[in-house]
Amino acid sequence: MSRRNYKSPSAETQNDKELKKWLEHAQSQFQYLNQHITIAINDKNFSRAVELDTARQDILKDLCLKDPSLIDEEFFTFIEQCAGENALLISEVEDEMENLTTRTGRHMRAQMAYSQR
């Protein structure tokens, strides 16, 4: 008599292979998107960076639907590394935007002072 929920070892192995293939694909897509996000941020193309980040978030959402015990630590390390790199880039952009805002404010005040004379 066979058990209803019994999975043969070959089926489990096939599932493991499929998961590994999916993880490799997700990692390559994630890496590809991450590279293009970096380029978009460096080019100051923020709308493109947001679109790419949305696609990357979709990959992460799909990942969250997988059984966490099936996903290896190497993959999470990779994701953390990408997130760290992006956080650094975003911080640099924020600093640059703050400097630009400060310079623009100074310029506007100087222009107002000049026009009031």
N, C-alpha and C. Protein backbone atom coordinates (compact mmCIF):
# COMPACT_ATOMS: atom_id res chain seq x y z
N MET A 1 0.84 -1.17 0.00
CA MET A 1 0.00 0.00 0.00
C MET A 1 0.90 1.24 0.00
N SER A 2 0.64 2.16 -0.91
CA SER A 2 1.48 3.35 -0.98
C SER A 2 0.87 4.46 -0.14
N ARG A 3 1.74 5.28 0.38
CA ARG A 3 1.29 6.42 1.17
C ARG A 3 0.98 7.59 0.24
N ARG A 4 -0.04 8.37 0.60
CA ARG A 4 -0.50 9.45 -0.25
C ARG A 4 0.54 10.56 -0.38
N ASN A 5 1.18 10.98 0.68
CA ASN A 5 2.13 12.09 0.66
C ASN A 5 3.57 11.64 0.46
N TYR A 6 3.77 10.37 0.17
CA TYR A 6 5.12 9.87 0.00
C TYR A 6 5.71 10.38 -1.31
N LYS A 7 6.93 10.88 -1.24
CA LYS A 7 7.65 11.32 -2.44
C LYS A 7 8.86 10.43 -2.60
N SER A 8 9.02 9.96 -3.78
CA SER A 8 10.16 9.10 -4.03
C SER A 8 11.44 9.92 -3.99
N PRO A 9 12.56 9.28 -3.66
CA PRO A 9 13.82 10.02 -3.62
C PRO A 9 14.14 10.70 -4.95
N SER A 10 13.79 10.08 -6.06
CA SER A 10 14.08 10.70 -7.35
C SER A 10 13.25 11.97 -7.55
N ALA A 11 12.01 11.98 -7.06
CA ALA A 11 11.18 13.18 -7.16
C ALA A 11 11.76 14.30 -6.31
N GLU A 12 12.20 13.97 -5.12
CA GLU A 12 12.81 14.99 -4.28
C GLU A 12 14.08 15.53 -4.92
N THR A 13 14.85 14.66 -5.51
CA THR A 13 16.07 15.09 -6.18
C THR A 13 15.73 16.00 -7.35
N GLN A 14 14.68 15.67 -8.10
CA GLN A 14 14.25 16.50 -9.21
C GLN A 14 13.80 17.87 -8.71
N ASN A 15 13.07 17.89 -7.60
CA ASN A 15 12.65 19.16 -7.01
C ASN A 15 13.85 19.98 -6.57
N ASP A 16 14.83 19.32 -5.97
CA ASP A 16 16.05 20.01 -5.55
C ASP A 16 16.77 20.60 -6.76
N LYS A 17 16.82 19.85 -7.85
CA LYS A 17 17.47 20.33 -9.07
C LYS A 17 16.72 21.54 -9.64
N GLU A 18 15.40 21.44 -9.63
CA GLU A 18 14.60 22.55 -10.14
C GLU A 18 14.77 23.80 -9.28
N LEU A 19 14.80 23.61 -7.97
CA LEU A 19 15.00 24.74 -7.08
C LEU A 19 16.38 25.36 -7.30
N LYS A 20 17.38 24.52 -7.41
CA LYS A 20 18.73 25.03 -7.64
C LYS A 20 18.80 25.81 -8.95
N LYS A 21 18.15 25.29 -9.98
CA LYS A 21 18.12 25.97 -11.27
C LYS A 21 17.40 27.32 -11.13
N TRP A 22 16.27 27.33 -10.39
CA TRP A 22 15.54 28.56 -10.18
C TRP A 22 16.38 29.57 -9.42
N LEU A 23 17.08 29.10 -8.37
CA LEU A 23 17.93 30.01 -7.59
C LEU A 23 19.06 30.59 -8.44
N GLU A 24 19.67 29.76 -9.27
CA GLU A 24 20.73 30.24 -10.15
C GLU A 24 20.19 31.30 -11.12
N HIS A 25 19.01 31.02 -11.66
CA HIS A 25 18.38 31.98 -12.57
C HIS A 25 18.05 33.28 -11.82
N ALA A 26 17.47 33.16 -10.65
CA ALA A 26 17.11 34.34 -9.85
C ALA A 26 18.37 35.13 -9.51
N GLN A 27 19.43 34.44 -9.15
CA GLN A 27 20.68 35.12 -8.80
C GLN A 27 21.25 35.86 -10.01
N SER A 28 21.23 35.23 -11.17
CA SER A 28 21.76 35.90 -12.36
C SER A 28 20.89 37.09 -12.74
N GLN A 29 19.57 36.95 -12.64
CA GLN A 29 18.68 38.07 -12.92
C GLN A 29 18.88 39.20 -11.90
N PHE A 30 19.03 38.82 -10.65
CA PHE A 30 19.24 39.80 -9.59
C PHE A 30 20.54 40.56 -9.84
N GLN A 31 21.59 39.82 -10.20
CA GLN A 31 22.88 40.43 -10.47
C GLN A 31 22.80 41.36 -11.68
N TYR A 32 22.11 40.91 -12.72
CA TYR A 32 21.94 41.72 -13.92
C TYR A 32 21.20 43.02 -13.58
N LEU A 33 20.10 42.91 -12.85
CA LEU A 33 19.35 44.09 -12.45
C LEU A 33 20.18 45.01 -11.57
N ASN A 34 20.94 44.42 -10.65
CA ASN A 34 21.77 45.21 -9.76
C ASN A 34 22.80 46.02 -10.53
N GLN A 35 23.42 45.41 -11.53
CA GLN A 35 24.40 46.13 -12.36
C GLN A 35 23.75 47.30 -13.08
N HIS A 36 22.56 47.07 -13.61
CA HIS A 36 21.88 48.14 -14.33
C HIS A 36 21.34 49.22 -13.39
N ILE A 37 21.00 48.85 -12.19
CA ILE A 37 20.61 49.85 -11.19
C ILE A 37 21.80 50.75 -10.87
N THR A 38 22.96 50.14 -10.71
CA THR A 38 24.18 50.89 -10.44
C THR A 38 24.46 51.88 -11.57
N ILE A 39 24.34 51.41 -12.80
CA ILE A 39 24.57 52.28 -13.96
C ILE A 39 23.56 53.42 -13.97
N ALA A 40 22.28 53.09 -13.73
CA ALA A 40 21.24 54.11 -13.74
C ALA A 40 21.48 55.16 -12.65
N ILE A 41 21.88 54.73 -11.48
CA ILE A 41 22.14 55.68 -10.39
C ILE A 41 23.35 56.55 -10.73
N ASN A 42 24.40 55.94 -11.25
CA ASN A 42 25.59 56.72 -11.63
C ASN A 42 25.28 57.71 -12.75
N ASP A 43 24.34 57.33 -13.64
CA ASP A 43 23.92 58.22 -14.74
C ASP A 43 22.87 59.23 -14.30
N LYS A 44 22.47 59.17 -13.03
CA LYS A 44 21.43 60.04 -12.47
C LYS A 44 20.08 59.81 -13.14
N ASN A 45 19.86 58.60 -13.65
CA ASN A 45 18.59 58.23 -14.26
C ASN A 45 17.76 57.51 -13.21
N PHE A 46 17.18 58.29 -12.32
CA PHE A 46 16.52 57.73 -11.15
C PHE A 46 15.22 57.01 -11.49
N SER A 47 14.51 57.46 -12.51
CA SER A 47 13.28 56.75 -12.87
C SER A 47 13.61 55.34 -13.37
N ARG A 48 14.68 55.21 -14.12
CA ARG A 48 15.11 53.87 -14.58
C ARG A 48 15.54 53.02 -13.39
N ALA A 49 16.26 53.62 -12.46
CA ALA A 49 16.70 52.88 -11.27
C ALA A 49 15.51 52.36 -10.48
N VAL A 50 14.46 53.17 -10.37
CA VAL A 50 13.27 52.74 -9.64
C VAL A 50 12.58 51.59 -10.37
N GLU A 51 12.47 51.68 -11.70
CA GLU A 51 11.85 50.60 -12.48
C GLU A 51 12.62 49.29 -12.31
N LEU A 52 13.93 49.38 -12.39
CA LEU A 52 14.77 48.19 -12.23
C LEU A 52 14.66 47.63 -10.82
N ASP A 53 14.61 48.52 -9.84
CA ASP A 53 14.48 48.06 -8.46
C ASP A 53 13.14 47.38 -8.23
N THR A 54 12.10 47.84 -8.89
CA THR A 54 10.79 47.19 -8.79
C THR A 54 10.87 45.76 -9.32
N ALA A 55 11.56 45.58 -10.44
CA ALA A 55 11.74 44.23 -11.00
C ALA A 55 12.54 43.36 -10.03
N ARG A 56 13.54 43.95 -9.41
CA ARG A 56 14.36 43.21 -8.45
C ARG A 56 13.53 42.83 -7.23
N GLN A 57 12.66 43.72 -6.79
CA GLN A 57 11.79 43.42 -5.65
C GLN A 57 10.83 42.28 -5.98
N ASP A 58 10.41 42.20 -7.24
CA ASP A 58 9.55 41.09 -7.66
C ASP A 58 10.26 39.76 -7.49
N ILE A 59 11.55 39.74 -7.81
CA ILE A 59 12.34 38.52 -7.62
C ILE A 59 12.38 38.16 -6.14
N LEU A 60 12.58 39.17 -5.30
CA LEU A 60 12.62 38.92 -3.85
C LEU A 60 11.27 38.42 -3.34
N LYS A 61 10.18 38.95 -3.89
CA LYS A 61 8.85 38.47 -3.49
C LYS A 61 8.68 37.00 -3.86
N ASP A 62 9.11 36.64 -5.07
CA ASP A 62 9.05 35.24 -5.48
C ASP A 62 9.88 34.37 -4.54
N LEU A 63 11.03 34.89 -4.16
CA LEU A 63 11.92 34.17 -3.26
C LEU A 63 11.25 33.93 -1.91
N CYS A 64 10.52 34.92 -1.44
CA CYS A 64 9.84 34.79 -0.14
C CYS A 64 8.76 33.71 -0.16
N LEU A 65 8.25 33.40 -1.33
CA LEU A 65 7.22 32.37 -1.44
C LEU A 65 7.80 30.96 -1.40
N LYS A 66 9.11 30.85 -1.57
CA LYS A 66 9.76 29.54 -1.51
C LYS A 66 9.93 29.12 -0.05
N ASP A 67 10.11 27.85 0.14
CA ASP A 67 10.37 27.31 1.47
C ASP A 67 11.75 27.81 1.92
N PRO A 68 11.82 28.60 3.00
CA PRO A 68 13.10 29.17 3.43
C PRO A 68 14.18 28.13 3.70
N SER A 69 13.78 26.94 4.10
CA SER A 69 14.78 25.92 4.40
C SER A 69 15.47 25.40 3.13
N LEU A 70 14.87 25.67 1.98
CA LEU A 70 15.44 25.19 0.72
C LEU A 70 16.47 26.15 0.13
N ILE A 71 16.51 27.36 0.65
CA ILE A 71 17.39 28.38 0.08
C ILE A 71 18.67 28.44 0.89
N ASP A 72 19.77 28.33 0.19
CA ASP A 72 21.06 28.24 0.87
C ASP A 72 21.57 29.60 1.34
N GLU A 73 22.50 29.54 2.27
CA GLU A 73 23.05 30.75 2.89
C GLU A 73 23.85 31.57 1.88
N GLU A 74 24.47 30.91 0.92
CA GLU A 74 25.26 31.61 -0.09
C GLU A 74 24.39 32.60 -0.87
N PHE A 75 23.16 32.17 -1.18
CA PHE A 75 22.25 33.04 -1.92
C PHE A 75 21.88 34.26 -1.09
N PHE A 76 21.59 34.06 0.19
CA PHE A 76 21.25 35.19 1.06
C PHE A 76 22.45 36.12 1.23
N THR A 77 23.64 35.57 1.30
CA THR A 77 24.85 36.39 1.40
C THR A 77 24.97 37.27 0.16
N PHE A 78 24.70 36.67 -0.99
CA PHE A 78 24.73 37.41 -2.25
C PHE A 78 23.72 38.56 -2.23
N ILE A 79 22.50 38.28 -1.78
CA ILE A 79 21.45 39.30 -1.71
C ILE A 79 21.86 40.42 -0.76
N GLU A 80 22.41 40.06 0.39
CA GLU A 80 22.86 41.07 1.36
C GLU A 80 23.96 41.93 0.78
N GLN A 81 24.88 41.33 0.03
CA GLN A 81 25.97 42.08 -0.58
C GLN A 81 25.42 43.09 -1.59
N CYS A 82 24.48 42.66 -2.41
CA CYS A 82 23.86 43.56 -3.38
C CYS A 82 23.14 44.71 -2.67
N ALA A 83 22.42 44.39 -1.63
CA ALA A 83 21.70 45.41 -0.87
C ALA A 83 22.67 46.41 -0.26
N GLY A 84 23.79 45.93 0.25
CA GLY A 84 24.80 46.82 0.82
C GLY A 84 25.39 47.75 -0.21
N GLU A 85 25.68 47.22 -1.40
CA GLU A 85 26.22 48.04 -2.48
C GLU A 85 25.23 49.12 -2.89
N ASN A 86 23.97 48.73 -2.99
CA ASN A 86 22.94 49.71 -3.37
C ASN A 86 22.74 50.75 -2.29
N ALA A 87 22.78 50.34 -1.05
CA ALA A 87 22.63 51.29 0.05
C ALA A 87 23.75 52.34 0.00
N LEU A 88 24.96 51.89 -0.31
CA LEU A 88 26.09 52.82 -0.42
C LEU A 88 25.85 53.80 -1.57
N LEU A 89 25.41 53.29 -2.72
CA LEU A 89 25.14 54.17 -3.85
C LEU A 89 24.04 55.18 -3.53
N ILE A 90 22.99 54.71 -2.88
CA ILE A 90 21.88 55.60 -2.54
C ILE A 90 22.35 56.66 -1.56
N SER A 91 23.19 56.28 -0.63
CA SER A 91 23.74 57.25 0.32
C SER A 91 24.57 58.31 -0.40
N GLU A 92 25.37 57.89 -1.37
CA GLU A 92 26.17 58.84 -2.14
C GLU A 92 25.27 59.80 -2.92
N VAL A 93 24.21 59.27 -3.52
CA VAL A 93 23.28 60.11 -4.28
C VAL A 93 22.58 61.09 -3.35
N GLU A 94 22.16 60.62 -2.18
CA GLU A 94 21.51 61.51 -1.22
C GLU A 94 22.45 62.63 -0.79
N ASP A 95 23.73 62.29 -0.55
CA ASP A 95 24.71 63.31 -0.18
C ASP A 95 24.88 64.33 -1.31
N GLU A 96 24.95 63.83 -2.52
CA GLU A 96 25.10 64.72 -3.67
C GLU A 96 23.88 65.62 -3.83
N MET A 97 22.69 65.06 -3.63
CA MET A 97 21.46 65.85 -3.72
C MET A 97 21.42 66.92 -2.63
N GLU A 98 21.86 66.56 -1.44
CA GLU A 98 21.89 67.54 -0.34
C GLU A 98 22.86 68.67 -0.67
N ASN A 99 24.02 68.33 -1.21
CA ASN A 99 25.00 69.36 -1.59
C ASN A 99 24.43 70.25 -2.69
N LEU A 100 23.75 69.66 -3.65
CA LEU A 100 23.15 70.43 -4.73
C LEU A 100 22.07 71.36 -4.19
N THR A 101 21.26 70.85 -3.27
CA THR A 101 20.22 71.68 -2.66
C THR A 101 20.83 72.85 -1.91
N THR A 102 21.91 72.60 -1.18
CA THR A 102 22.59 73.66 -0.44
C THR A 102 23.15 74.71 -1.40
N ARG A 103 23.81 74.26 -2.46
CA ARG A 103 24.37 75.21 -3.44
C ARG A 103 23.27 76.01 -4.12
N THR A 104 22.17 75.33 -4.47
CA THR A 104 21.06 76.02 -5.12
C THR A 104 20.45 77.06 -4.18
N GLY A 105 20.30 76.69 -2.90
CA GLY A 105 19.77 77.64 -1.91
C GLY A 105 20.66 78.86 -1.78
N ARG A 106 21.95 78.65 -1.73
CA ARG A 106 22.89 79.78 -1.63
C ARG A 106 22.78 80.68 -2.86
N HIS A 107 22.70 80.04 -4.01
CA HIS A 107 22.60 80.79 -5.26
C HIS A 107 21.31 81.60 -5.29
N MET A 108 20.21 80.99 -4.86
CA MET A 108 18.91 81.69 -4.84
C MET A 108 18.94 82.87 -3.87
N ARG A 109 19.54 82.66 -2.70
CA ARG A 109 19.63 83.76 -1.72
C ARG A 109 20.49 84.91 -2.26
N ALA A 110 21.57 84.54 -2.91
CA ALA A 110 22.45 85.58 -3.49
C ALA A 110 21.73 86.32 -4.59
N GLN A 111 20.97 85.62 -5.38
CA GLN A 111 20.22 86.24 -6.47
C GLN A 111 19.14 87.16 -5.92
N MET A 112 18.46 86.71 -4.85
CA MET A 112 17.42 87.55 -4.23
C MET A 112 18.05 88.80 -3.62
N ALA A 113 19.19 88.65 -2.97
CA ALA A 113 19.87 89.78 -2.35
C ALA A 113 20.29 90.78 -3.43
N TYR A 114 20.75 90.28 -4.54
CA TYR A 114 21.20 91.14 -5.64
C TYR A 114 20.02 91.88 -6.26
N SER A 115 18.90 91.18 -6.44
CA SER A 115 17.73 91.80 -7.07
C SER A 115 17.05 92.80 -6.15
N GLN A 116 17.25 92.71 -4.83
CA GLN A 116 16.64 93.64 -3.89
C GLN A 116 17.41 94.95 -3.81
N ARG A 117 18.57 95.02 -4.34
CA ARG A 117 19.38 96.26 -4.28
C ARG A 117 18.90 97.28 -5.23
